[in-house]
Amino acid sequence: MVSWQNWWPMSKSTDRIRIEVGFDGGQTLVALVDEASADKLEKALVDGLDGALTLDSEDGRTIIATRRVVFVTRYARESKLGFGG
């Protein structure tokens, strides 16, 4: 018997955080990353890292030139969908 759970794509980790990264040319990158990657990006920017940073997201690997980052928005974890009263 085949059920829909067998083919439904699931992320490797359920704890994904949505981030938005704005660059000095006006481009924006929105990605779902794990908490460790979001922390790594935040630490690199706070520490003033001048170089490249690799982030693994659900869409693949992205290399970010930290000197080009203008802002980062780290969204709160989304609440789970469901029915409630």
Foldseek 3Di string as FASTA:
>chain_A
DDDPVVPDDDDPDPAWWWKWWAFPVGDIDIFTAHPVQVVVLVVCLVVVPQAWDWTQGPVGIDIDGSVGTDDMDIDDDDDDDDDDD
